[in-house]
């Protein structure tokens, strides 16, 4: 199963200069609760950004894949150069955690979407790619403060 997880504001904004444009504890707690000890896929820029937060501490994931077209060695991750082949042949419960290019390439393979809607507008320059949400069915949602935590499943 492939699950994409992200938070975005009212304008589909997800980042500012490769960092989150907000610091919302509930959002970070939710992401951690869903991805802790899970297998994740991210792009190189997201990997480098997260390394900035975690510094020398290990990521809280069971396994990390990093999609990158360049030959790069990661001491704590496995390089994926052909993301389409990787996703098409995936047999793991995989969480895609960013960035926008990786989300765009992963959307056709997604079984589930975990979207946190932030009911506000922020300054930034990185947006989630537009897609047809009608291909997914809303399973459930929960509101908390200015957030809507939603779970969708692909319509078969």
C-alpha atoms as a PDB file:
ATOM      1  CA  UNK A   1       0.000   0.000   0.000  1.00  0.00           C
ATOM      2  CA  UNK A   2       1.242   3.463  -0.882  1.00  0.00           C
ATOM      3  CA  UNK A   3       0.116   6.352   1.302  1.00  0.00           C
ATOM      4  CA  UNK A   4       0.893   9.988   0.612  1.00  0.00           C
ATOM      5  CA  UNK A   5       0.899  12.211   3.686  1.00  0.00           C
ATOM      6  CA  UNK A   6       1.195  15.991   3.755  1.00  0.00           C
ATOM      7  CA  UNK A   7      -0.128  19.231   5.197  1.00  0.00           C
ATOM      8  CA  UNK A   8      -1.112  22.209   3.074  1.00  0.00           C
ATOM      9  CA  UNK A   9      -2.680  25.586   3.582  1.00  0.00           C
ATOM     10  CA  UNK A  10      -5.725  26.988   1.780  1.00  0.00           C
ATOM     11  CA  UNK A  11      -3.600  27.742  -1.322  1.00  0.00           C
ATOM     12  CA  UNK A  12      -2.059  24.231  -1.461  1.00  0.00           C
ATOM     13  CA  UNK A  13       1.186  25.664  -0.043  1.00  0.00           C
ATOM     14  CA  UNK A  14       3.460  23.020   1.508  1.00  0.00           C
ATOM     15  CA  UNK A  15       6.798  24.755   1.926  1.00  0.00           C
ATOM     16  CA  UNK A  16       8.976  27.820   2.005  1.00  0.00           C
ATOM     17  CA  UNK A  17      12.590  27.480   0.871  1.00  0.00           C
ATOM     18  CA  UNK A  18      12.567  23.701   1.539  1.00  0.00           C
ATOM     19  CA  UNK A  19      11.191  24.085   5.063  1.00  0.00           C
ATOM     20  CA  UNK A  20       7.705  24.084   6.550  1.00  0.00           C
ATOM     21  CA  UNK A  21       6.230  27.610   6.532  1.00  0.00           C
ATOM     22  CA  UNK A  22       4.476  26.874   9.829  1.00  0.00           C
ATOM     23  CA  UNK A  23       5.226  25.210  13.134  1.00  0.00           C
ATOM     24  CA  UNK A  24       2.001  23.587  14.273  1.00  0.00           C
ATOM     25  CA  UNK A  25       2.512  21.027  17.032  1.00  0.00           C
ATOM     26  CA  UNK A  26      -0.675  19.097  16.243  1.00  0.00           C
ATOM     27  CA  UNK A  27       0.402  18.684  12.616  1.00  0.00           C
ATOM     28  CA  UNK A  28       3.887  17.464  13.542  1.00  0.00           C
ATOM     29  CA  UNK A  29       2.437  15.114  16.157  1.00  0.00           C
ATOM     30  CA  UNK A  30       0.030  13.675  13.566  1.00  0.00           C
ATOM     31  CA  UNK A  31       2.806  13.132  11.002  1.00  0.00           C
ATOM     32  CA  UNK A  32       4.936  11.436  13.614  1.00  0.00           C
ATOM     33  CA  UNK A  33       2.074   9.206  14.799  1.00  0.00           C
ATOM     34  CA  UNK A  34       1.446   7.984  11.253  1.00  0.00           C
ATOM     35  CA  UNK A  35       5.042   7.570  10.032  1.00  0.00           C
ATOM     36  CA  UNK A  36       6.929   6.542  13.183  1.00  0.00           C
ATOM     37  CA  UNK A  37       8.630   3.165  12.609  1.00  0.00           C
ATOM     38  CA  UNK A  38       7.236   3.030   9.060  1.00  0.00           C
ATOM     39  CA  UNK A  39       8.874   2.769   5.637  1.00  0.00           C
ATOM     40  CA  UNK A  40       9.094   6.175   3.956  1.00  0.00           C
ATOM     41  CA  UNK A  41       9.996   7.610   0.568  1.00  0.00           C
ATOM     42  CA  UNK A  42      11.163  11.170   0.101  1.00  0.00           C
ATOM     43  CA  UNK A  43      13.122  13.241  -2.366  1.00  0.00           C
ATOM     44  CA  UNK A  44      16.688  14.416  -1.852  1.00  0.00           C
ATOM     45  CA  UNK A  45      15.702  17.996  -0.927  1.00  0.00           C
ATOM     46  CA  UNK A  46      13.211  16.748   1.684  1.00  0.00           C
ATOM     47  CA  UNK A  47      15.879  14.390   3.022  1.00  0.00           C
ATOM     48  CA  UNK A  48      18.382  17.256   3.395  1.00  0.00           C
ATOM     49  CA  UNK A  49      15.746  19.482   5.006  1.00  0.00           C
ATOM     50  CA  UNK A  50      14.822  16.774   7.538  1.00  0.00           C
ATOM     51  CA  UNK A  51      18.506  16.181   8.293  1.00  0.00           C
ATOM     52  CA  UNK A  52      18.600  19.848   9.304  1.00  0.00           C
ATOM     53  CA  UNK A  53      15.928  19.178  11.916  1.00  0.00           C
ATOM     54  CA  UNK A  54      17.207  15.814  13.138  1.00  0.00           C
ATOM     55  CA  UNK A  55      20.928  16.718  12.962  1.00  0.00           C
ATOM     56  CA  UNK A  56      22.814  13.649  14.232  1.00  0.00           C
ATOM     57  CA  UNK A  57      19.746  11.891  15.640  1.00  0.00           C
ATOM     58  CA  UNK A  58      18.434   8.976  13.580  1.00  0.00           C
ATOM     59  CA  UNK A  59      15.163   9.344  11.717  1.00  0.00           C
ATOM     60  CA  UNK A  60      12.219   7.674  13.507  1.00  0.00           C
ATOM     61  CA  UNK A  61      11.474   5.499  10.469  1.00  0.00           C
ATOM     62  CA  UNK A  62      11.905   1.755   9.972  1.00  0.00           C
ATOM     63  CA  UNK A  63      13.410   2.267   6.526  1.00  0.00           C
ATOM     64  CA  UNK A  64      14.131   5.317   4.362  1.00  0.00           C
ATOM     65  CA  UNK A  65      14.166   5.505   0.568  1.00  0.00           C
ATOM     66  CA  UNK A  66      15.402   8.661  -1.130  1.00  0.00           C
ATOM     67  CA  UNK A  67      14.485   9.350  -4.749  1.00  0.00           C
ATOM     68  CA  UNK A  68      17.293  11.101  -6.573  1.00  0.00           C
ATOM     69  CA  UNK A  69      18.408  10.994 -10.198  1.00  0.00           C
ATOM     70  CA  UNK A  70      22.014  11.614  -9.175  1.00  0.00           C
ATOM     71  CA  UNK A  71      24.266   8.902  -7.760  1.00  0.00           C
ATOM     72  CA  UNK A  72      24.285   9.788  -4.083  1.00  0.00           C
ATOM     73  CA  UNK A  73      25.260   7.665  -1.118  1.00  0.00           C
ATOM     74  CA  UNK A  74      23.097   7.968   1.981  1.00  0.00           C
ATOM     75  CA  UNK A  75      24.402   6.416   5.191  1.00  0.00           C
ATOM     76  CA  UNK A  76      20.871   5.960   6.562  1.00  0.00           C
ATOM     77  CA  UNK A  77      18.785   5.561   3.390  1.00  0.00           C
ATOM     78  CA  UNK A  78      18.523   3.612   0.153  1.00  0.00           C
ATOM     79  CA  UNK A  79      18.835   5.497  -3.117  1.00  0.00           C
ATOM     80  CA  UNK A  80      15.981   5.110  -5.625  1.00  0.00           C
ATOM     81  CA  UNK A  81      16.890   6.341  -9.098  1.00  0.00           C
ATOM     82  CA  UNK A  82      13.839   5.062 -11.002  1.00  0.00           C
ATOM     83  CA  UNK A  83      10.868   6.075  -8.875  1.00  0.00           C
ATOM     84  CA  UNK A  84       8.220   4.815 -11.337  1.00  0.00           C
ATOM     85  CA  UNK A  85       9.641   1.289 -11.419  1.00  0.00           C
ATOM     86  CA  UNK A  86      10.098   1.364  -7.644  1.00  0.00           C
ATOM     87  CA  UNK A  87       6.488   2.418  -7.027  1.00  0.00           C
ATOM     88  CA  UNK A  88       5.015   0.096  -9.647  1.00  0.00           C
ATOM     89  CA  UNK A  89       6.744  -2.882  -8.014  1.00  0.00           C
ATOM     90  CA  UNK A  90       6.257  -1.798  -4.400  1.00  0.00           C
ATOM     91  CA  UNK A  91       5.148  -4.569  -2.011  1.00  0.00           C
ATOM     92  CA  UNK A  92       5.695  -2.618   1.235  1.00  0.00           C
ATOM     93  CA  UNK A  93       3.459  -0.331   3.273  1.00  0.00           C
ATOM     94  CA  UNK A  94       5.088   2.856   2.078  1.00  0.00           C
ATOM     95  CA  UNK A  95       4.532   6.450   3.203  1.00  0.00           C
ATOM     96  CA  UNK A  96       5.495   9.186   0.738  1.00  0.00           C
ATOM     97  CA  UNK A  97       6.510  12.271   2.721  1.00  0.00           C
ATOM     98  CA  UNK A  98       7.678  14.785   0.099  1.00  0.00           C
ATOM     99  CA  UNK A  99       8.541  16.919  -1.709  1.00  0.00           C
ATOM    100  CA  UNK A 100       6.275  18.135  -4.507  1.00  0.00           C
ATOM    101  CA  UNK A 101       8.016  16.301  -7.370  1.00  0.00           C
ATOM    102  CA  UNK A 102       7.938  13.022  -5.434  1.00  0.00           C
ATOM    103  CA  UNK A 103       4.265  13.587  -4.589  1.00  0.00           C
ATOM    104  CA  UNK A 104       3.439  14.308  -8.253  1.00  0.00           C
ATOM    105  CA  UNK A 105       5.234  11.161  -9.410  1.00  0.00           C
ATOM    106  CA  UNK A 106       3.648   9.066  -6.626  1.00  0.00           C
ATOM    107  CA  UNK A 107       0.037  10.207  -7.008  1.00  0.00           C
ATOM    108  CA  UNK A 108      -0.830   7.691  -9.775  1.00  0.00           C
ATOM    109  CA  UNK A 109       0.279   4.847  -7.455  1.00  0.00           C
ATOM    110  CA  UNK A 110      -1.351   6.149  -4.257  1.00  0.00           C
ATOM    111  CA  UNK A 111      -3.826   3.918  -2.457  1.00  0.00           C
ATOM    112  CA  UNK A 112      -4.423   6.373   0.393  1.00  0.00           C
ATOM    113  CA  UNK A 113      -4.017  10.088   1.035  1.00  0.00           C
ATOM    114  CA  UNK A 114      -3.577  11.561   4.503  1.00  0.00           C
ATOM    115  CA  UNK A 115      -4.091  15.289   4.032  1.00  0.00           C
ATOM    116  CA  UNK A 116      -3.915  17.845   6.797  1.00  0.00           C
ATOM    117  CA  UNK A 117      -5.742  20.950   5.684  1.00  0.00           C
ATOM    118  CA  UNK A 118      -4.469  24.051   7.460  1.00  0.00           C
ATOM    119  CA  UNK A 119      -7.272  26.596   7.560  1.00  0.00           C
ATOM    120  CA  UNK A 120      -5.034  29.586   7.084  1.00  0.00           C
ATOM    121  CA  UNK A 121      -2.725  31.121   4.486  1.00  0.00           C
ATOM    122  CA  UNK A 122       1.033  31.268   4.781  1.00  0.00           C
ATOM    123  CA  UNK A 123       3.928  32.743   2.826  1.00  0.00           C
ATOM    124  CA  UNK A 124       5.949  30.298   0.791  1.00  0.00           C
ATOM    125  CA  UNK A 125       7.071  29.102  -2.616  1.00  0.00           C
ATOM    126  CA  UNK A 126       6.477  25.326  -2.719  1.00  0.00           C
ATOM    127  CA  UNK A 127       3.023  24.009  -3.588  1.00  0.00           C
ATOM    128  CA  UNK A 128       1.427  20.592  -3.707  1.00  0.00           C
ATOM    129  CA  UNK A 129       0.756  19.603  -7.318  1.00  0.00           C
ATOM    130  CA  UNK A 130      -2.883  19.972  -8.386  1.00  0.00           C
ATOM    131  CA  UNK A 131      -4.717  16.678  -8.896  1.00  0.00           C
ATOM    132  CA  UNK A 132      -8.230  15.266  -9.146  1.00  0.00           C
ATOM    133  CA  UNK A 133      -9.421  14.457  -5.624  1.00  0.00           C
ATOM    134  CA  UNK A 134     -12.579  12.906  -7.151  1.00  0.00           C
ATOM    135  CA  UNK A 135     -10.513   9.751  -7.760  1.00  0.00           C
ATOM    136  CA  UNK A 136     -10.497   9.287  -3.990  1.00  0.00           C
ATOM    137  CA  UNK A 137     -13.214   8.691  -1.407  1.00  0.00           C
ATOM    138  CA  UNK A 138     -13.158  10.482   1.943  1.00  0.00           C
ATOM    139  CA  UNK A 139     -13.060   7.813   4.660  1.00  0.00           C
ATOM    140  CA  UNK A 140     -12.923  10.018   7.713  1.00  0.00           C
ATOM    141  CA  UNK A 141     -11.790  13.341   9.064  1.00  0.00           C
ATOM    142  CA  UNK A 142     -11.194  15.073  12.361  1.00  0.00           C
ATOM    143  CA  UNK A 143     -11.004  18.775  13.083  1.00  0.00           C
ATOM    144  CA  UNK A 144      -8.690  20.221  15.690  1.00  0.00           C
ATOM    145  CA  UNK A 145      -8.112  23.945  16.110  1.00  0.00           C
ATOM    146  CA  UNK A 146      -7.450  25.277  12.581  1.00  0.00           C
ATOM    147  CA  UNK A 147      -6.665  21.824  11.134  1.00  0.00           C
ATOM    148  CA  UNK A 148      -8.648  19.147   9.340  1.00  0.00           C
ATOM    149  CA  UNK A 149      -6.987  15.721   9.407  1.00  0.00           C
ATOM    150  CA  UNK A 150      -8.495  13.755   6.524  1.00  0.00           C
ATOM    151  CA  UNK A 151      -8.051  10.249   5.150  1.00  0.00           C
ATOM    152  CA  UNK A 152      -8.934   9.291   1.583  1.00  0.00           C
ATOM    153  CA  UNK A 153      -8.871   5.994  -0.268  1.00  0.00           C
ATOM    154  CA  UNK A 154      -8.522   5.534  -4.023  1.00  0.00           C
ATOM    155  CA  UNK A 155     -11.794   4.563  -5.688  1.00  0.00           C
ATOM    156  CA  UNK A 156     -11.230   1.203  -7.376  1.00  0.00           C
END
